[in-house]
Amino acid sequence: MKLDEFTIGQVFKTKFFKLTKEEIMRFAEEFDPQYMHLDEEKAQQGRFNGIIASGIHTIALSFKLWIEEGMYGNDVIAGTEMNNIKFIKPVYPEDELHTIVEVIDKKTKNNETGILTVLLSTYNNKEQKVFEGDLSVLIKK
């Protein structure tokens, strides 16, 4: 979809993604090697009572789920910024995540492009919000 095809207030819901312990640990080993993502024994003794996904992993999954909906298609040019990032609840192994995407702003940049901003709100299978953040992209008009 092009910028002009989106409307402020428009809402999209993504499919679900079930996150395994192995995926959490594999991601953390490479990008966020902290104990709460990798060391089961130490994580069990911590405040979350077990392994949790990295917040960076949660952002990446939220973005993946949105992109896989195909709304940008070949009209997106580049991401421009992310703001108001909030990690609200921990994401545990076997959580099934989905993202609600709401168009919150759109601005024309020139005759050919504009900036589209969406609010990503990611929920687990208990319908608890685990993540929220604004994502802006440069997109064809």
C-alpha atoms as a PDB file:
ATOM      1  CA  MET A   1       0.000   0.000   0.000  1.00  0.00           C
ATOM      2  CA  LYS A   2       1.134   3.537  -0.686  1.00  0.00           C
ATOM      3  CA  LEU A   3       0.988   6.371   1.859  1.00  0.00           C
ATOM      4  CA  ASP A   4      -2.258   7.735   0.437  1.00  0.00           C
ATOM      5  CA  GLU A   5      -3.963   4.341   0.836  1.00  0.00           C
ATOM      6  CA  PHE A   6      -3.465   4.309   4.619  1.00  0.00           C
ATOM      7  CA  THR A   7      -5.836   6.216   6.890  1.00  0.00           C
ATOM      8  CA  ILE A   8      -5.187   7.455  10.407  1.00  0.00           C
ATOM      9  CA  GLY A   9      -6.954   5.136  12.840  1.00  0.00           C
ATOM     10  CA  GLN A  10      -6.762   2.153  10.502  1.00  0.00           C
ATOM     11  CA  VAL A  11      -5.985  -1.065  12.431  1.00  0.00           C
ATOM     12  CA  PHE A  12      -4.416  -4.331  11.324  1.00  0.00           C
ATOM     13  CA  LYS A  13      -3.982  -7.572  13.287  1.00  0.00           C
ATOM     14  CA  THR A  14      -1.142  -9.950  12.499  1.00  0.00           C
ATOM     15  CA  LYS A  15      -0.993 -13.705  12.658  1.00  0.00           C
ATOM     16  CA  PHE A  16       0.402 -15.435  15.762  1.00  0.00           C
ATOM     17  CA  PHE A  17       3.985 -16.543  16.353  1.00  0.00           C
ATOM     18  CA  LYS A  18       4.866 -19.126  19.031  1.00  0.00           C
ATOM     19  CA  LEU A  19       8.264 -18.434  20.564  1.00  0.00           C
ATOM     20  CA  THR A  20      10.292 -21.409  21.802  1.00  0.00           C
ATOM     21  CA  LYS A  21      12.973 -21.484  24.482  1.00  0.00           C
ATOM     22  CA  GLU A  22      15.497 -22.544  21.856  1.00  0.00           C
ATOM     23  CA  GLU A  23      14.686 -19.506  19.694  1.00  0.00           C
ATOM     24  CA  ILE A  24      14.960 -17.189  22.695  1.00  0.00           C
ATOM     25  CA  MET A  25      18.350 -18.615  23.625  1.00  0.00           C
ATOM     26  CA  ARG A  26      19.663 -18.665  20.040  1.00  0.00           C
ATOM     27  CA  PHE A  27      18.753 -14.994  19.543  1.00  0.00           C
ATOM     28  CA  ALA A  28      20.212 -14.012  22.917  1.00  0.00           C
ATOM     29  CA  GLU A  29      23.485 -15.834  22.309  1.00  0.00           C
ATOM     30  CA  GLU A  30      24.064 -13.677  19.257  1.00  0.00           C
ATOM     31  CA  PHE A  31      22.452 -10.326  20.117  1.00  0.00           C
ATOM     32  CA  ASP A  32      21.723 -10.019  23.867  1.00  0.00           C
ATOM     33  CA  PRO A  33      23.828 -12.477  25.891  1.00  0.00           C
ATOM     34  CA  GLN A  34      22.439 -11.757  29.344  1.00  0.00           C
ATOM     35  CA  TYR A  35      21.688 -14.396  31.997  1.00  0.00           C
ATOM     36  CA  MET A  36      17.891 -13.905  31.963  1.00  0.00           C
ATOM     37  CA  HIS A  37      17.867 -15.069  28.349  1.00  0.00           C
ATOM     38  CA  LEU A  38      20.489 -17.820  28.536  1.00  0.00           C
ATOM     39  CA  ASP A  39      21.091 -19.256  32.016  1.00  0.00           C
ATOM     40  CA  GLU A  40      18.054 -21.277  33.085  1.00  0.00           C
ATOM     41  CA  GLU A  41      19.227 -21.835  36.644  1.00  0.00           C
ATOM     42  CA  LYS A  42      20.131 -18.207  37.309  1.00  0.00           C
ATOM     43  CA  ALA A  43      17.020 -16.963  35.478  1.00  0.00           C
ATOM     44  CA  GLN A  44      14.855 -19.246  37.642  1.00  0.00           C
ATOM     45  CA  GLN A  45      16.207 -17.465  40.730  1.00  0.00           C
ATOM     46  CA  GLY A  46      15.592 -14.006  39.256  1.00  0.00           C
ATOM     47  CA  ARG A  47      12.503 -11.839  39.272  1.00  0.00           C
ATOM     48  CA  PHE A  48      10.945 -13.505  36.199  1.00  0.00           C
ATOM     49  CA  ASN A  49      11.176 -17.120  37.469  1.00  0.00           C
ATOM     50  CA  GLY A  50      12.742 -18.399  34.280  1.00  0.00           C
ATOM     51  CA  ILE A  51      14.130 -17.609  30.866  1.00  0.00           C
ATOM     52  CA  ILE A  52      12.556 -14.623  29.080  1.00  0.00           C
ATOM     53  CA  ALA A  53      12.983 -13.244  25.584  1.00  0.00           C
ATOM     54  CA  SER A  54      15.196 -10.242  24.989  1.00  0.00           C
ATOM     55  CA  GLY A  55      13.314  -6.999  24.454  1.00  0.00           C
ATOM     56  CA  ILE A  56      15.254  -6.619  21.207  1.00  0.00           C
ATOM     57  CA  HIS A  57      13.925 -10.034  20.154  1.00  0.00           C
ATOM     58  CA  THR A  58      10.383  -8.884  20.971  1.00  0.00           C
ATOM     59  CA  ILE A  59      10.841  -5.777  18.809  1.00  0.00           C
ATOM     60  CA  ALA A  60      12.202  -7.897  15.959  1.00  0.00           C
ATOM     61  CA  LEU A  61       9.274 -10.337  16.164  1.00  0.00           C
ATOM     62  CA  SER A  62       6.720  -7.529  16.325  1.00  0.00           C
ATOM     63  CA  PHE A  63       8.275  -5.965  13.234  1.00  0.00           C
ATOM     64  CA  LYS A  64       8.447  -9.347  11.450  1.00  0.00           C
ATOM     65  CA  LEU A  65       4.768 -10.048  12.118  1.00  0.00           C
ATOM     66  CA  TRP A  66       3.787  -6.634  10.769  1.00  0.00           C
ATOM     67  CA  ILE A  67       5.979  -6.863   7.660  1.00  0.00           C
ATOM     68  CA  GLU A  68       4.667 -10.352   6.869  1.00  0.00           C
ATOM     69  CA  GLU A  69       1.159  -8.888   6.588  1.00  0.00           C
ATOM     70  CA  GLY A  70       2.426  -7.380   3.312  1.00  0.00           C
ATOM     71  CA  MET A  71       0.814  -3.965   3.670  1.00  0.00           C
ATOM     72  CA  TYR A  72       3.967  -2.043   2.705  1.00  0.00           C
ATOM     73  CA  GLY A  73       4.790  -4.344  -0.175  1.00  0.00           C
ATOM     74  CA  ASN A  74       7.348  -2.758  -2.483  1.00  0.00           C
ATOM     75  CA  ASP A  75       6.176   0.752  -1.600  1.00  0.00           C
ATOM     76  CA  VAL A  76       8.276   1.080   1.565  1.00  0.00           C
ATOM     77  CA  ILE A  77      11.650   2.738   1.024  1.00  0.00           C
ATOM     78  CA  ALA A  78      13.253   2.657   4.488  1.00  0.00           C
ATOM     79  CA  GLY A  79      12.587   2.810   8.186  1.00  0.00           C
ATOM     80  CA  THR A  80      13.197   6.274   9.620  1.00  0.00           C
ATOM     81  CA  GLU A  81      12.730   5.951  13.383  1.00  0.00           C
ATOM     82  CA  MET A  82      11.298   4.073  16.338  1.00  0.00           C
ATOM     83  CA  ASN A  83       9.999   5.950  19.368  1.00  0.00           C
ATOM     84  CA  ASN A  84       8.174   5.397  22.635  1.00  0.00           C
ATOM     85  CA  ILE A  85       9.512   1.852  23.027  1.00  0.00           C
ATOM     86  CA  LYS A  86       7.986   0.099  26.051  1.00  0.00           C
ATOM     87  CA  PHE A  87       8.648  -3.422  27.271  1.00  0.00           C
ATOM     88  CA  ILE A  88       5.519  -3.957  29.354  1.00  0.00           C
ATOM     89  CA  LYS A  89       5.585  -7.627  30.362  1.00  0.00           C
ATOM     90  CA  PRO A  90       8.165 -10.375  29.933  1.00  0.00           C
ATOM     91  CA  VAL A  91       7.855 -12.782  27.020  1.00  0.00           C
ATOM     92  CA  TYR A  92       8.292 -16.419  28.039  1.00  0.00           C
ATOM     93  CA  PRO A  93       9.015 -19.574  26.075  1.00  0.00           C
ATOM     94  CA  GLU A  94       5.862 -20.924  24.415  1.00  0.00           C
ATOM     95  CA  ASP A  95       4.152 -17.520  24.439  1.00  0.00           C
ATOM     96  CA  GLU A  96       2.185 -16.945  21.252  1.00  0.00           C
ATOM     97  CA  LEU A  97       2.584 -13.350  20.144  1.00  0.00           C
ATOM     98  CA  HIS A  98       0.551 -11.242  17.765  1.00  0.00           C
ATOM     99  CA  THR A  99       0.713  -7.542  16.967  1.00  0.00           C
ATOM    100  CA  ILE A 100      -2.021  -4.971  16.575  1.00  0.00           C
ATOM    101  CA  VAL A 101      -0.871  -2.203  14.225  1.00  0.00           C
ATOM    102  CA  GLU A 102      -2.599   1.172  14.209  1.00  0.00           C
ATOM    103  CA  VAL A 103      -1.852   3.966  11.760  1.00  0.00           C
ATOM    104  CA  ILE A 104      -1.228   7.010  13.975  1.00  0.00           C
ATOM    105  CA  ASP A 105       0.286   9.581  11.606  1.00  0.00           C
ATOM    106  CA  LYS A 106       1.072  10.245   7.972  1.00  0.00           C
ATOM    107  CA  LYS A 107       2.839  13.196   6.447  1.00  0.00           C
ATOM    108  CA  THR A 108       3.654  14.056   2.856  1.00  0.00           C
ATOM    109  CA  LYS A 109       7.364  14.659   2.365  1.00  0.00           C
ATOM    110  CA  ASN A 110       7.335  15.584  -1.341  1.00  0.00           C
ATOM    111  CA  ASN A 111       5.414  14.666  -4.494  1.00  0.00           C
ATOM    112  CA  GLU A 112       6.678  11.090  -4.393  1.00  0.00           C
ATOM    113  CA  THR A 113       7.071  10.092  -0.729  1.00  0.00           C
ATOM    114  CA  GLY A 114       5.831  10.560   2.789  1.00  0.00           C
ATOM    115  CA  ILE A 115       6.308   9.339   6.344  1.00  0.00           C
ATOM    116  CA  LEU A 116       3.886   6.779   7.746  1.00  0.00           C
ATOM    117  CA  THR A 117       3.880   6.140  11.498  1.00  0.00           C
ATOM    118  CA  VAL A 118       2.241   3.115  13.061  1.00  0.00           C
ATOM    119  CA  LEU A 119       1.850   2.032  16.671  1.00  0.00           C
ATOM    120  CA  LEU A 120       2.889  -1.585  17.191  1.00  0.00           C
ATOM    121  CA  SER A 121       1.209  -3.212  20.217  1.00  0.00           C
ATOM    122  CA  THR A 122       2.221  -6.821  20.790  1.00  0.00           C
ATOM    123  CA  TYR A 123       0.214  -9.220  22.936  1.00  0.00           C
ATOM    124  CA  ASN A 124       0.759 -12.723  24.276  1.00  0.00           C
ATOM    125  CA  ASN A 125      -1.786 -15.548  24.100  1.00  0.00           C
ATOM    126  CA  LYS A 126      -3.334 -14.327  27.395  1.00  0.00           C
ATOM    127  CA  GLU A 127      -4.075 -11.003  25.633  1.00  0.00           C
ATOM    128  CA  GLN A 128      -1.572  -9.224  27.895  1.00  0.00           C
ATOM    129  CA  LYS A 129       0.293  -6.399  26.177  1.00  0.00           C
ATOM    130  CA  VAL A 130       4.014  -7.192  26.252  1.00  0.00           C
ATOM    131  CA  PHE A 131       5.421  -4.484  23.954  1.00  0.00           C
ATOM    132  CA  GLU A 132       4.514  -1.145  22.430  1.00  0.00           C
ATOM    133  CA  GLY A 133       6.367   1.224  20.128  1.00  0.00           C
ATOM    134  CA  ASP A 134       5.953   3.683  17.265  1.00  0.00           C
ATOM    135  CA  LEU A 135       7.533   2.852  13.918  1.00  0.00           C
ATOM    136  CA  SER A 136       7.954   5.404  11.131  1.00  0.00           C
ATOM    137  CA  VAL A 137       8.851   4.579   7.529  1.00  0.00           C
ATOM    138  CA  LEU A 138       9.553   6.483   4.368  1.00  0.00           C
ATOM    139  CA  ILE A 139       7.036   5.218   1.839  1.00  0.00           C
ATOM    140  CA  LYS A 140       5.912   5.995  -1.700  1.00  0.00           C
ATOM    141  CA  LYS A 141       2.912   8.271  -2.013  1.00  0.00           C
END
